[in-house]
């Protein structure tokens, strides 16, 4: 499902870029700036950020068996991607992150 989101965003980005090439070819500068540039900003600002979160979730190891007992209790409380996206709008981007360093000390970061 997450891979489908990434492929969909790439596909929509290619469509907007094609529209931009057509606007340049037909010398439609108003269409280029109002539809293409703003469309790319909105698309990549929202769903591009979500794609980055998906890839980060894949890359960052989250093995609950390799963490200490306190971290194991909080592993189910890790924010999902949709929670992060909603908090970007409703909470002004404030997220609570739980980071685990190599020496197994737990750090809390409230952005």
PDB file of N, CA and C in Angstrom:
ATOM      1  N   UNK A   1       0.824  -1.186   0.000  1.00  0.00           N
ATOM      2  CA  UNK A   1       0.000   0.000   0.000  1.00  0.00           C
ATOM      3  C   UNK A   1       0.872   1.255   0.000  1.00  0.00           C
ATOM      4  N   UNK A   2       1.926   1.248   0.784  1.00  0.00           N
ATOM      5  CA  UNK A   2       2.792   2.421   0.838  1.00  0.00           C
ATOM      6  C   UNK A   2       3.544   2.619  -0.476  1.00  0.00           C
ATOM      7  N   UNK A   3       3.930   1.525  -1.088  1.00  0.00           N
ATOM      8  CA  UNK A   3       4.600   1.619  -2.382  1.00  0.00           C
ATOM      9  C   UNK A   3       3.650   2.186  -3.437  1.00  0.00           C
ATOM     10  N   UNK A   4       2.364   1.860  -3.340  1.00  0.00           N
ATOM     11  CA  UNK A   4       1.376   2.406  -4.269  1.00  0.00           C
ATOM     12  C   UNK A   4       1.258   3.918  -4.110  1.00  0.00           C
ATOM     13  N   UNK A   5       1.367   4.417  -2.882  1.00  0.00           N
ATOM     14  CA  UNK A   5       1.327   5.864  -2.657  1.00  0.00           C
ATOM     15  C   UNK A   5       2.535   6.529  -3.306  1.00  0.00           C
ATOM     16  N   UNK A   6       3.711   5.937  -3.137  1.00  0.00           N
ATOM     17  CA  UNK A   6       4.920   6.508  -3.731  1.00  0.00           C
ATOM     18  C   UNK A   6       4.823   6.524  -5.251  1.00  0.00           C
ATOM     19  N   UNK A   7       4.383   5.416  -5.834  1.00  0.00           N
ATOM     20  CA  UNK A   7       4.240   5.349  -7.292  1.00  0.00           C
ATOM     21  C   UNK A   7       3.189   6.347  -7.772  1.00  0.00           C
ATOM     22  N   UNK A   8       2.095   6.489  -7.030  1.00  0.00           N
ATOM     23  CA  UNK A   8       1.055   7.447  -7.401  1.00  0.00           C
ATOM     24  C   UNK A   8       1.543   8.882  -7.382  1.00  0.00           C
ATOM     25  N   UNK A   9       2.326   9.241  -6.387  1.00  0.00           N
ATOM     26  CA  UNK A   9       2.869  10.603  -6.317  1.00  0.00           C
ATOM     27  C   UNK A   9       3.839  10.850  -7.467  1.00  0.00           C
ATOM     28  N   UNK A  10       4.659   9.865  -7.790  1.00  0.00           N
ATOM     29  CA  UNK A  10       5.570   9.998  -8.933  1.00  0.00           C
ATOM     30  C   UNK A  10       4.777  10.170 -10.225  1.00  0.00           C
ATOM     31  N   UNK A  11       3.720   9.403 -10.367  1.00  0.00           N
ATOM     32  CA  UNK A  11       2.884   9.472 -11.573  1.00  0.00           C
ATOM     33  C   UNK A  11       2.200  10.837 -11.691  1.00  0.00           C
ATOM     34  N   UNK A  12       1.658  11.351 -10.594  1.00  0.00           N
ATOM     35  CA  UNK A  12       1.016  12.672 -10.627  1.00  0.00           C
ATOM     36  C   UNK A  12       2.033  13.775 -10.887  1.00  0.00           C
ATOM     37  N   UNK A  13       3.238  13.643 -10.335  1.00  0.00           N
ATOM     38  CA  UNK A  13       4.289  14.630 -10.585  1.00  0.00           C
ATOM     39  C   UNK A  13       4.682  14.648 -12.054  1.00  0.00           C
ATOM     40  N   UNK A  14       4.773  13.468 -12.668  1.00  0.00           N
ATOM     41  CA  UNK A  14       5.084  13.414 -14.103  1.00  0.00           C
ATOM     42  C   UNK A  14       3.964  14.066 -14.918  1.00  0.00           C
ATOM     43  N   UNK A  15       2.714  13.900 -14.511  1.00  0.00           N
ATOM     44  CA  UNK A  15       1.599  14.532 -15.207  1.00  0.00           C
ATOM     45  C   UNK A  15       1.650  16.044 -15.116  1.00  0.00           C
ATOM     46  N   UNK A  16       1.972  16.568 -13.944  1.00  0.00           N
ATOM     47  CA  UNK A  16       2.077  18.026 -13.794  1.00  0.00           C
ATOM     48  C   UNK A  16       3.257  18.548 -14.594  1.00  0.00           C
ATOM     49  N   UNK A  17       4.361  17.816 -14.624  1.00  0.00           N
ATOM     50  CA  UNK A  17       5.522  18.244 -15.418  1.00  0.00           C
ATOM     51  C   UNK A  17       5.193  18.232 -16.913  1.00  0.00           C
ATOM     52  N   UNK A  18       4.417  17.258 -17.349  1.00  0.00           N
ATOM     53  CA  UNK A  18       3.990  17.225 -18.753  1.00  0.00           C
ATOM     54  C   UNK A  18       3.112  18.428 -19.077  1.00  0.00           C
ATOM     55  N   UNK A  19       2.230  18.779 -18.152  1.00  0.00           N
ATOM     56  CA  UNK A  19       1.402  19.965 -18.339  1.00  0.00           C
ATOM     57  C   UNK A  19       2.282  21.213 -18.397  1.00  0.00           C
ATOM     58  N   UNK A  20       3.337  21.230 -17.610  1.00  0.00           N
ATOM     59  CA  UNK A  20       4.263  22.363 -17.642  1.00  0.00           C
ATOM     60  C   UNK A  20       4.998  22.465 -18.965  1.00  0.00           C
ATOM     61  N   UNK A  21       5.402  21.327 -19.513  1.00  0.00           N
ATOM     62  CA  UNK A  21       6.063  21.350 -20.824  1.00  0.00           C
ATOM     63  C   UNK A  21       5.100  21.817 -21.914  1.00  0.00           C
ATOM     64  N   UNK A  22       3.842  21.398 -21.823  1.00  0.00           N
ATOM     65  CA  UNK A  22       2.847  21.872 -22.791  1.00  0.00           C
ATOM     66  C   UNK A  22       2.598  23.368 -22.647  1.00  0.00           C
ATOM     67  N   UNK A  23       2.563  23.863 -21.414  1.00  0.00           N
ATOM     68  CA  UNK A  23       2.356  25.296 -21.198  1.00  0.00           C
ATOM     69  C   UNK A  23       3.529  26.107 -21.748  1.00  0.00           C
ATOM     70  N   UNK A  24       4.728  25.595 -21.610  1.00  0.00           N
ATOM     71  CA  UNK A  24       5.898  26.286 -22.168  1.00  0.00           C
ATOM     72  C   UNK A  24       5.855  26.242 -23.695  1.00  0.00           C
ATOM     73  N   UNK A  25       5.508  25.101 -24.256  1.00  0.00           N
ATOM     74  CA  UNK A  25       5.468  24.950 -25.714  1.00  0.00           C
ATOM     75  C   UNK A  25       4.422  25.873 -26.340  1.00  0.00           C
ATOM     76  N   UNK A  26       3.251  25.968 -25.722  1.00  0.00           N
ATOM     77  CA  UNK A  26       2.190  26.817 -26.255  1.00  0.00           C
ATOM     78  C   UNK A  26       2.254  28.246 -25.713  1.00  0.00           C
ATOM     79  N   UNK A  27       3.331  28.588 -25.004  1.00  0.00           N
ATOM     80  CA  UNK A  27       3.587  29.926 -24.472  1.00  0.00           C
ATOM     81  C   UNK A  27       2.447  30.427 -23.582  1.00  0.00           C
ATOM     82  N   UNK A  28       1.980  29.563 -22.691  1.00  0.00           N
ATOM     83  CA  UNK A  28       0.936  29.912 -21.733  1.00  0.00           C
ATOM     84  C   UNK A  28       1.586  30.144 -20.366  1.00  0.00           C
ATOM     85  N   UNK A  29       2.140  31.321 -20.188  1.00  0.00           N
ATOM     86  CA  UNK A  29       2.879  31.603 -18.959  1.00  0.00           C
ATOM     87  C   UNK A  29       1.961  31.659 -17.741  1.00  0.00           C
ATOM     88  N   UNK A  30       0.745  32.160 -17.922  1.00  0.00           N
ATOM     89  CA  UNK A  30      -0.182  32.219 -16.793  1.00  0.00           C
ATOM     90  C   UNK A  30      -0.537  30.819 -16.297  1.00  0.00           C
ATOM     91  N   UNK A  31      -0.770  29.899 -17.217  1.00  0.00           N
ATOM     92  CA  UNK A  31      -1.060  28.511 -16.847  1.00  0.00           C
ATOM     93  C   UNK A  31       0.148  27.884 -16.159  1.00  0.00           C
ATOM     94  N   UNK A  32       1.331  28.178 -16.671  1.00  0.00           N
ATOM     95  CA  UNK A  32       2.542  27.606 -16.077  1.00  0.00           C
ATOM     96  C   UNK A  32       2.687  28.024 -14.618  1.00  0.00           C
ATOM     97  N   UNK A  33       2.557  29.311 -14.342  1.00  0.00           N
ATOM     98  CA  UNK A  33       2.780  29.788 -12.985  1.00  0.00           C
ATOM     99  C   UNK A  33       1.621  29.486 -12.046  1.00  0.00           C
ATOM    100  N   UNK A  34       0.391  29.565 -12.533  1.00  0.00           N
ATOM    101  CA  UNK A  34      -0.749  29.380 -11.628  1.00  0.00           C
ATOM    102  C   UNK A  34      -1.136  27.921 -11.436  1.00  0.00           C
ATOM    103  N   UNK A  35      -0.961  27.085 -12.435  1.00  0.00           N
ATOM    104  CA  UNK A  35      -1.372  25.695 -12.314  1.00  0.00           C
ATOM    105  C   UNK A  35      -0.201  24.740 -12.085  1.00  0.00           C
ATOM    106  N   UNK A  36       0.865  24.917 -12.857  1.00  0.00           N
ATOM    107  CA  UNK A  36       1.967  23.953 -12.794  1.00  0.00           C
ATOM    108  C   UNK A  36       2.824  24.170 -11.552  1.00  0.00           C
ATOM    109  N   UNK A  37       3.293  25.386 -11.366  1.00  0.00           N
ATOM    110  CA  UNK A  37       4.194  25.644 -10.235  1.00  0.00           C
ATOM    111  C   UNK A  37       3.453  25.476  -8.914  1.00  0.00           C
ATOM    112  N   UNK A  38       2.255  26.043  -8.807  1.00  0.00           N
ATOM    113  CA  UNK A  38       1.515  25.888  -7.556  1.00  0.00           C
ATOM    114  C   UNK A  38       1.080  24.437  -7.336  1.00  0.00           C
ATOM    115  N   UNK A  39       0.753  23.733  -8.413  1.00  0.00           N
ATOM    116  CA  UNK A  39       0.398  22.320  -8.282  1.00  0.00           C
ATOM    117  C   UNK A  39       1.552  21.485  -7.775  1.00  0.00           C
ATOM    118  N   UNK A  40       2.756  21.756  -8.277  1.00  0.00           N
ATOM    119  CA  UNK A  40       3.935  21.023  -7.792  1.00  0.00           C
ATOM    120  C   UNK A  40       4.240  21.348  -6.332  1.00  0.00           C
ATOM    121  N   UNK A  41       4.075  22.609  -5.965  1.00  0.00           N
ATOM    122  CA  UNK A  41       4.341  22.992  -4.574  1.00  0.00           C
ATOM    123  C   UNK A  41       3.374  22.276  -3.633  1.00  0.00           C
ATOM    124  N   UNK A  42       2.099  22.273  -3.984  1.00  0.00           N
ATOM    125  CA  UNK A  42       1.109  21.621  -3.124  1.00  0.00           C
ATOM    126  C   UNK A  42       1.298  20.111  -3.113  1.00  0.00           C
ATOM    127  N   UNK A  43       1.465  19.512  -4.290  1.00  0.00           N
ATOM    128  CA  UNK A  43       1.614  18.057  -4.368  1.00  0.00           C
ATOM    129  C   UNK A  43       2.838  17.572  -3.616  1.00  0.00           C
ATOM    130  N   UNK A  44       3.983  18.182  -3.894  1.00  0.00           N
ATOM    131  CA  UNK A  44       5.212  17.715  -3.262  1.00  0.00           C
ATOM    132  C   UNK A  44       5.321  18.174  -1.811  1.00  0.00           C
ATOM    133  N   UNK A  45       4.664  19.284  -1.484  1.00  0.00           N
ATOM    134  CA  UNK A  45       4.668  19.734  -0.092  1.00  0.00           C
ATOM    135  C   UNK A  45       3.883  18.815   0.820  1.00  0.00           C
ATOM    136  N   UNK A  46       2.776  18.304   0.331  1.00  0.00           N
ATOM    137  CA  UNK A  46       1.956  17.395   1.142  1.00  0.00           C
ATOM    138  C   UNK A  46       2.365  15.942   0.956  1.00  0.00           C
ATOM    139  N   UNK A  47       2.215  15.455  -0.257  1.00  0.00           N
ATOM    140  CA  UNK A  47       2.425  14.036  -0.498  1.00  0.00           C
ATOM    141  C   UNK A  47       3.893  13.683  -0.697  1.00  0.00           C
ATOM    142  N   UNK A  48       4.711  14.631  -1.116  1.00  0.00           N
ATOM    143  CA  UNK A  48       6.152  14.381  -1.171  1.00  0.00           C
ATOM    144  C   UNK A  48       6.716  14.188   0.228  1.00  0.00           C
ATOM    145  N   UNK A  49       6.215  15.002   1.179  1.00  0.00           N
ATOM    146  CA  UNK A  49       6.622  14.856   2.576  1.00  0.00           C
ATOM    147  C   UNK A  49       6.165  13.507   3.121  1.00  0.00           C
ATOM    148  N   UNK A  50       4.959  13.087   2.732  1.00  0.00           N
ATOM    149  CA  UNK A  50       4.470  11.785   3.173  1.00  0.00           C
ATOM    150  C   UNK A  50       5.333  10.660   2.607  1.00  0.00           C
ATOM    151  N   UNK A  51       5.785  10.805   1.368  1.00  0.00           N
ATOM    152  CA  UNK A  51       6.686   9.808   0.783  1.00  0.00           C
ATOM    153  C   UNK A  51       8.005   9.739   1.537  1.00  0.00           C
ATOM    154  N   UNK A  52       8.515  10.889   1.952  1.00  0.00           N
ATOM    155  CA  UNK A  52       9.756  10.917   2.733  1.00  0.00           C
ATOM    156  C   UNK A  52       9.538  10.206   4.071  1.00  0.00           C
ATOM    157  N   UNK A  53       8.380  10.419   4.692  1.00  0.00           N
ATOM    158  CA  UNK A  53       8.076   9.737   5.948  1.00  0.00           C
ATOM    159  C   UNK A  53       7.971   8.228   5.762  1.00  0.00           C
ATOM    160  N   UNK A  54       7.389   7.797   4.640  1.00  0.00           N
ATOM    161  CA  UNK A  54       7.265   6.362   4.356  1.00  0.00           C
ATOM    162  C   UNK A  54       8.648   5.739   4.210  1.00  0.00           C
ATOM    163  N   UNK A  55       9.519   6.378   3.451  1.00  0.00           N
ATOM    164  CA  UNK A  55      10.866   5.846   3.248  1.00  0.00           C
ATOM    165  C   UNK A  55      11.647   5.855   4.563  1.00  0.00           C
ATOM    166  N   UNK A  56      11.481   6.908   5.366  1.00  0.00           N
ATOM    167  CA  UNK A  56      12.176   6.957   6.655  1.00  0.00           C
ATOM    168  C   UNK A  56      11.698   5.853   7.579  1.00  0.00           C
ATOM    169  N   UNK A  57      10.412   5.539   7.520  1.00  0.00           N
ATOM    170  CA  UNK A  57       9.891   4.455   8.356  1.00  0.00           C
ATOM    171  C   UNK A  57      10.433   3.104   7.906  1.00  0.00           C
ATOM    172  N   UNK A  58      10.657   2.949   6.594  1.00  0.00           N
ATOM    173  CA  UNK A  58      11.259   1.717   6.087  1.00  0.00           C
ATOM    174  C   UNK A  58      12.721   1.596   6.489  1.00  0.00           C
ATOM    175  N   UNK A  59      13.449   2.717   6.449  1.00  0.00           N
ATOM    176  CA  UNK A  59      14.898   2.692   6.665  1.00  0.00           C
ATOM    177  C   UNK A  59      15.247   2.606   8.147  1.00  0.00           C
ATOM    178  N   UNK A  60      14.504   3.323   8.996  1.00  0.00           N
ATOM    179  CA  UNK A  60      14.829   3.368  10.422  1.00  0.00           C
ATOM    180  C   UNK A  60      14.429   2.048  11.075  1.00  0.00           C
ATOM    181  N   UNK A  61      15.377   1.337  11.686  1.00  0.00           N
ATOM    182  CA  UNK A  61      15.035   0.051  12.297  1.00  0.00           C
ATOM    183  C   UNK A  61      14.192   0.244  13.552  1.00  0.00           C
ATOM    184  N   UNK A  62      13.103  -0.476  13.630  1.00  0.00           N
ATOM    185  CA  UNK A  62      12.223  -0.367  14.785  1.00  0.00           C
ATOM    186  C   UNK A  62      11.928  -1.764  15.307  1.00  0.00           C
ATOM    187  N   UNK A  63      12.960  -2.412  15.811  1.00  0.00           N
ATOM    188  CA  UNK A  63      12.837  -3.768  16.336  1.00  0.00           C
ATOM    189  C   UNK A  63      12.609  -3.682  17.840  1.00  0.00           C
ATOM    190  N   UNK A  64      11.415  -3.982  18.323  1.00  0.00           N
ATOM    191  CA  UNK A  64      11.143  -3.829  19.756  1.00  0.00           C
ATOM    192  C   UNK A  64      11.935  -4.793  20.624  1.00  0.00           C
ATOM    193  N   UNK A  65      12.435  -5.895  20.077  1.00  0.00           N
ATOM    194  CA  UNK A  65      13.167  -6.864  20.875  1.00  0.00           C
ATOM    195  C   UNK A  65      14.604  -6.432  21.150  1.00  0.00           C
ATOM    196  N   UNK A  66      15.097  -5.430  20.410  1.00  0.00           N
ATOM    197  CA  UNK A  66      16.459  -4.965  20.636  1.00  0.00           C
ATOM    198  C   UNK A  66      16.507  -3.743  21.537  1.00  0.00           C
ATOM    199  N   UNK A  67      15.378  -3.325  22.073  1.00  0.00           N
ATOM    200  CA  UNK A  67      15.321  -2.120  22.895  1.00  0.00           C
ATOM    201  C   UNK A  67      15.102  -2.500  24.359  1.00  0.00           C
ATOM    202  N   UNK A  68      15.329  -1.522  25.241  1.00  0.00           N
ATOM    203  CA  UNK A  68      15.131  -1.787  26.658  1.00  0.00           C
ATOM    204  C   UNK A  68      13.632  -1.883  26.978  1.00  0.00           C
ATOM    205  N   UNK A  69      13.307  -2.276  28.189  1.00  0.00           N
ATOM    206  CA  UNK A  69      11.910  -2.567  28.534  1.00  0.00           C
ATOM    207  C   UNK A  69      11.027  -1.329  28.489  1.00  0.00           C
ATOM    208  N   UNK A  70      11.553  -0.161  28.866  1.00  0.00           N
ATOM    209  CA  UNK A  70      10.749   1.064  28.801  1.00  0.00           C
ATOM    210  C   UNK A  70      10.399   1.403  27.359  1.00  0.00           C
ATOM    211  N   UNK A  71      11.357   1.219  26.477  1.00  0.00           N
ATOM    212  CA  UNK A  71      11.103   1.508  25.072  1.00  0.00           C
ATOM    213  C   UNK A  71      10.135   0.496  24.486  1.00  0.00           C
ATOM    214  N   UNK A  72      10.213  -0.736  24.948  1.00  0.00           N
ATOM    215  CA  UNK A  72       9.301  -1.772  24.447  1.00  0.00           C
ATOM    216  C   UNK A  72       7.861  -1.446  24.818  1.00  0.00           C
ATOM    217  N   UNK A  73       7.641  -0.833  25.959  1.00  0.00           N
ATOM    218  CA  UNK A  73       6.285  -0.458  26.367  1.00  0.00           C
ATOM    219  C   UNK A  73       5.731   0.664  25.493  1.00  0.00           C
ATOM    220  N   UNK A  74       6.616   1.544  25.010  1.00  0.00           N
ATOM    221  CA  UNK A  74       6.173   2.690  24.223  1.00  0.00           C
ATOM    222  C   UNK A  74       6.203   2.431  22.720  1.00  0.00           C
ATOM    223  N   UNK A  75       6.598   1.255  22.276  1.00  0.00           N
ATOM    224  CA  UNK A  75       6.746   1.004  20.847  1.00  0.00           C
ATOM    225  C   UNK A  75       5.405   1.088  20.133  1.00  0.00           C
ATOM    226  N   UNK A  76       4.321   0.723  20.815  1.00  0.00           N
ATOM    227  CA  UNK A  76       3.002   0.807  20.204  1.00  0.00           C
ATOM    228  C   UNK A  76       2.462   2.231  20.186  1.00  0.00           C
ATOM    229  N   UNK A  77       3.103   3.141  20.884  1.00  0.00           N
ATOM    230  CA  UNK A  77       2.661   4.527  20.922  1.00  0.00           C
ATOM    231  C   UNK A  77       3.378   5.395  19.902  1.00  0.00           C
ATOM    232  N   UNK A  78       4.200   4.806  19.069  1.00  0.00           N
ATOM    233  CA  UNK A  78       4.902   5.575  18.047  1.00  0.00           C
ATOM    234  C   UNK A  78       3.886   6.146  17.074  1.00  0.00           C
ATOM    235  N   UNK A  79       4.046   7.412  16.690  1.00  0.00           N
ATOM    236  CA  UNK A  79       3.044   8.019  15.815  1.00  0.00           C
ATOM    237  C   UNK A  79       3.068   7.407  14.422  1.00  0.00           C
ATOM    238  N   UNK A  80       1.898   7.224  13.873  1.00  0.00           N
ATOM    239  CA  UNK A  80       1.818   6.711  12.515  1.00  0.00           C
ATOM    240  C   UNK A  80       2.024   7.862  11.539  1.00  0.00           C
ATOM    241  N   UNK A  81       2.163   7.526  10.276  1.00  0.00           N
ATOM    242  CA  UNK A  81       2.396   8.549   9.253  1.00  0.00           C
ATOM    243  C   UNK A  81       1.200   9.480   9.154  1.00  0.00           C
ATOM    244  N   UNK A  82       0.000   8.945   9.234  1.00  0.00           N
ATOM    245  CA  UNK A  82      -1.190   9.782   9.134  1.00  0.00           C
ATOM    246  C   UNK A  82      -1.308  10.715  10.328  1.00  0.00           C
ATOM    247  N   UNK A  83      -0.875  10.277  11.515  1.00  0.00           N
ATOM    248  CA  UNK A  83      -0.886  11.142  12.690  1.00  0.00           C
ATOM    249  C   UNK A  83       0.091  12.296  12.520  1.00  0.00           C
ATOM    250  N   UNK A  84       1.250  12.011  11.976  1.00  0.00           N
ATOM    251  CA  UNK A  84       2.232  13.070  11.725  1.00  0.00           C
ATOM    252  C   UNK A  84       1.689  14.071  10.723  1.00  0.00           C
ATOM    253  N   UNK A  85       1.040  13.583   9.662  1.00  0.00           N
ATOM    254  CA  UNK A  85       0.483  14.482   8.643  1.00  0.00           C
ATOM    255  C   UNK A  85      -0.633  15.356   9.225  1.00  0.00           C
ATOM    256  N   UNK A  86      -1.489  14.784  10.057  1.00  0.00           N
ATOM    257  CA  UNK A  86      -2.574  15.564  10.671  1.00  0.00           C
ATOM    258  C   UNK A  86      -2.016  16.583  11.646  1.00  0.00           C
ATOM    259  N   UNK A  87      -1.018  16.198  12.445  1.00  0.00           N
ATOM    260  CA  UNK A  87      -0.428  17.135  13.403  1.00  0.00           C
ATOM    261  C   UNK A  87       0.302  18.277  12.712  1.00  0.00           C
ATOM    262  N   UNK A  88       0.751  18.083  11.483  1.00  0.00           N
ATOM    263  CA  UNK A  88       1.377  19.182  10.761  1.00  0.00           C
ATOM    264  C   UNK A  88       0.403  20.337  10.567  1.00  0.00           C
ATOM    265  N   UNK A  89      -0.864  20.022  10.430  1.00  0.00           N
ATOM    266  CA  UNK A  89      -1.863  21.067  10.233  1.00  0.00           C
ATOM    267  C   UNK A  89      -2.535  21.486  11.529  1.00  0.00           C
ATOM    268  N   UNK A  90      -2.976  20.533  12.317  1.00  0.00           N
ATOM    269  CA  UNK A  90      -3.765  20.852  13.501  1.00  0.00           C
ATOM    270  C   UNK A  90      -2.917  21.305  14.689  1.00  0.00           C
ATOM    271  N   UNK A  91      -1.726  20.763  14.839  1.00  0.00           N
ATOM    272  CA  UNK A  91      -0.877  21.112  15.981  1.00  0.00           C
ATOM    273  C   UNK A  91       0.277  22.024  15.583  1.00  0.00           C
ATOM    274  N   UNK A  92       0.246  22.568  14.405  1.00  0.00           N
ATOM    275  CA  UNK A  92       1.308  23.475  13.980  1.00  0.00           C
ATOM    276  C   UNK A  92       2.649  22.799  13.784  1.00  0.00           C
ATOM    277  N   UNK A  93       2.642  21.511  13.519  1.00  0.00           N
ATOM    278  CA  UNK A  93       3.883  20.781  13.278  1.00  0.00           C
ATOM    279  C   UNK A  93       4.536  20.212  14.514  1.00  0.00           C
ATOM    280  N   UNK A  94       3.937  20.391  15.688  1.00  0.00           N
ATOM    281  CA  UNK A  94       4.522  19.847  16.915  1.00  0.00           C
ATOM    282  C   UNK A  94       4.351  18.339  16.951  1.00  0.00           C
ATOM    283  N   UNK A  95       5.460  17.638  17.076  1.00  0.00           N
ATOM    284  CA  UNK A  95       5.469  16.186  17.144  1.00  0.00           C
ATOM    285  C   UNK A  95       6.288  15.774  18.355  1.00  0.00           C
ATOM    286  N   UNK A  96       5.896  14.684  18.987  1.00  0.00           N
ATOM    287  CA  UNK A  96       6.704  14.129  20.066  1.00  0.00           C
ATOM    288  C   UNK A  96       7.440  12.914  19.522  1.00  0.00           C
ATOM    289  N   UNK A  97       8.756  12.977  19.555  1.00  0.00           N
ATOM    290  CA  UNK A  97       9.581  11.895  19.036  1.00  0.00           C
ATOM    291  C   UNK A  97      10.281  11.188  20.185  1.00  0.00           C
ATOM    292  N   UNK A  98      10.388   9.882  20.076  1.00  0.00           N
ATOM    293  CA  UNK A  98      11.145   9.097  21.033  1.00  0.00           C
ATOM    294  C   UNK A  98      12.326   8.515  20.274  1.00  0.00           C
ATOM    295  N   UNK A  99      13.523   8.970  20.618  1.00  0.00           N
ATOM    296  CA  UNK A  99      14.722   8.518  19.910  1.00  0.00           C
ATOM    297  C   UNK A  99      15.546   7.629  20.828  1.00  0.00           C
ATOM    298  N   UNK A 100      16.107   6.603  20.263  1.00  0.00           N
ATOM    299  CA  UNK A 100      16.939   5.670  21.020  1.00  0.00           C
ATOM    300  C   UNK A 100      18.343   5.716  20.440  1.00  0.00           C
ATOM    301  N   UNK A 101      19.324   6.084  21.273  1.00  0.00           N
ATOM    302  CA  UNK A 101      20.693   6.144  20.782  1.00  0.00           C
ATOM    303  C   UNK A 101      21.371   4.785  20.962  1.00  0.00           C
ATOM    304  N   UNK A 102      22.569   4.598  20.393  1.00  0.00           N
ATOM    305  CA  UNK A 102      23.247   3.292  20.484  1.00  0.00           C
ATOM    306  C   UNK A 102      23.560   2.839  21.910  1.00  0.00           C
ATOM    307  N   UNK A 103      23.691   3.754  22.855  1.00  0.00           N
ATOM    308  CA  UNK A 103      24.004   3.341  24.234  1.00  0.00           C
ATOM    309  C   UNK A 103      22.733   3.044  25.035  1.00  0.00           C
ATOM    310  N   UNK A 104      21.578   2.933  24.343  1.00  0.00           N
ATOM    311  CA  UNK A 104      20.285   2.565  24.938  1.00  0.00           C
ATOM    312  C   UNK A 104      19.741   3.602  25.905  1.00  0.00           C
ATOM    313  N   UNK A 105      20.189   4.843  25.804  1.00  0.00           N
ATOM    314  CA  UNK A 105      19.566   5.911  26.569  1.00  0.00           C
ATOM    315  C   UNK A 105      18.401   6.452  25.761  1.00  0.00           C
ATOM    316  N   UNK A 106      17.307   6.718  26.416  1.00  0.00           N
ATOM    317  CA  UNK A 106      16.111   7.189  25.719  1.00  0.00           C
ATOM    318  C   UNK A 106      16.049   8.703  25.829  1.00  0.00           C
ATOM    319  N   UNK A 107      15.854   9.348  24.696  1.00  0.00           N
ATOM    320  CA  UNK A 107      15.734  10.802  24.660  1.00  0.00           C
ATOM    321  C   UNK A 107      14.337  11.155  24.181  1.00  0.00           C
ATOM    322  N   UNK A 108      13.762  12.169  24.773  1.00  0.00           N
ATOM    323  CA  UNK A 108      12.462  12.666  24.340  1.00  0.00           C
ATOM    324  C   UNK A 108      12.676  14.010  23.670  1.00  0.00           C
ATOM    325  N   UNK A 109      12.039  14.198  22.563  1.00  0.00           N
ATOM    326  CA  UNK A 109      12.115  15.468  21.841  1.00  0.00           C
ATOM    327  C   UNK A 109      10.704  15.905  21.533  1.00  0.00           C
ATOM    328  N   UNK A 110      10.365  17.074  22.003  1.00  0.00           N
ATOM    329  CA  UNK A 110       9.051  17.631  21.686  1.00  0.00           C
ATOM    330  C   UNK A 110       9.295  18.854  20.822  1.00  0.00           C
ATOM    331  N   UNK A 111       9.016  18.723  19.516  1.00  0.00           N
ATOM    332  CA  UNK A 111       9.323  19.786  18.546  1.00  0.00           C
ATOM    333  C   UNK A 111       8.341  20.889  18.540  1.00  0.00           C
TER     334      UNK A 111
END
